[in-house]
């Protein structure tokens, strides 16, 4: 959880959510404005430190998936 709020504050973060599956697995759902914004996020000390610690708490390598959002991002109306 310590990764979520700080990451939401990084430039270009549009969505950043931590989900827990019924079987105890976790996944992060992230949407970034651009690849450059994601690259900057991935280079932060916060994320580097998280990844170092992660290997002590999970079996095997973490999985990562990326792609291009094809649906329009919904506008938020007040």
Protein backbone atom coordinates (compact mmCIF):
# COMPACT_ATOMS: atom_id res chain seq x y z
CA UNK A 1 0.00 0.00 0.00
CA UNK A 2 2.94 2.32 0.59
CA UNK A 3 3.54 2.44 -3.15
CA UNK A 4 0.02 3.52 -4.19
CA UNK A 5 -0.42 7.08 -2.93
CA UNK A 6 3.09 8.30 -3.79
CA UNK A 7 2.81 6.77 -7.28
CA UNK A 8 -0.54 8.46 -7.86
CA UNK A 9 1.27 11.75 -7.33
CA UNK A 10 3.87 11.09 -10.03
CA UNK A 11 3.53 13.17 -13.16
CA UNK A 12 1.43 11.38 -15.77
CA UNK A 13 -0.25 8.90 -13.42
CA UNK A 14 -3.88 8.58 -14.53
CA UNK A 15 -4.83 5.41 -12.59
CA UNK A 16 -2.93 3.49 -9.93
CA UNK A 17 -4.72 0.74 -8.00
CA UNK A 18 -3.70 -2.24 -5.88
CA UNK A 19 -5.98 -5.28 -6.17
CA UNK A 20 -6.02 -8.47 -4.10
CA UNK A 21 -7.34 -11.68 -5.60
CA UNK A 22 -9.34 -14.23 -3.59
CA UNK A 23 -6.33 -16.56 -3.70
CA UNK A 24 -4.11 -13.96 -2.02
CA UNK A 25 -2.30 -12.75 -5.14
CA UNK A 26 -1.92 -9.01 -5.66
CA UNK A 27 -1.71 -6.95 -8.81
CA UNK A 28 -1.22 -3.30 -9.65
CA UNK A 29 -3.37 -1.68 -12.32
CA UNK A 30 -1.64 1.39 -13.73
CA UNK A 31 -2.51 3.82 -16.51
CA UNK A 32 0.07 6.39 -17.55
CA UNK A 33 -0.29 9.38 -19.84
CA UNK A 34 2.79 8.36 -21.83
CA UNK A 35 5.62 5.85 -21.94
CA UNK A 36 7.97 8.63 -20.84
CA UNK A 37 5.90 9.19 -17.68
CA UNK A 38 5.97 5.45 -16.94
CA UNK A 39 9.73 5.34 -17.54
CA UNK A 40 10.23 8.22 -15.07
CA UNK A 41 8.06 6.41 -12.51
CA UNK A 42 10.01 3.18 -12.99
CA UNK A 43 13.29 5.04 -12.41
CA UNK A 44 12.22 6.49 -9.04
CA UNK A 45 13.92 5.41 -5.85
CA UNK A 46 10.49 4.49 -4.48
CA UNK A 47 9.89 1.86 -7.16
CA UNK A 48 13.47 0.59 -7.21
CA UNK A 49 13.33 0.03 -3.43
CA UNK A 50 9.93 -1.67 -3.75
CA UNK A 51 11.25 -4.09 -6.40
CA UNK A 52 14.28 -4.97 -4.25
CA UNK A 53 12.01 -5.87 -1.33
CA UNK A 54 9.42 -7.64 -3.49
CA UNK A 55 11.72 -10.54 -4.31
CA UNK A 56 11.90 -11.36 -0.59
CA UNK A 57 8.10 -11.71 -0.40
CA UNK A 58 7.10 -13.53 -3.59
CA UNK A 59 8.03 -16.81 -5.24
CA UNK A 60 9.45 -16.36 -8.70
CA UNK A 61 9.69 -13.23 -10.77
CA UNK A 62 6.83 -10.72 -10.83
CA UNK A 63 4.84 -10.64 -14.05
CA UNK A 64 4.27 -7.41 -15.97
CA UNK A 65 1.97 -6.75 -18.89
CA UNK A 66 1.63 -3.62 -20.96
CA UNK A 67 -0.42 -2.52 -23.89
CA UNK A 68 -2.23 0.34 -25.52
CA UNK A 69 -5.61 1.37 -24.17
CA UNK A 70 -8.04 1.15 -27.08
CA UNK A 71 -11.15 2.50 -25.41
CA UNK A 72 -11.50 6.20 -24.68
CA UNK A 73 -10.54 7.31 -21.21
CA UNK A 74 -13.79 8.42 -19.54
CA UNK A 75 -14.16 12.09 -18.78
CA UNK A 76 -15.03 13.00 -15.22
CA UNK A 77 -17.82 15.48 -14.91
CA UNK A 78 -18.48 17.46 -11.75
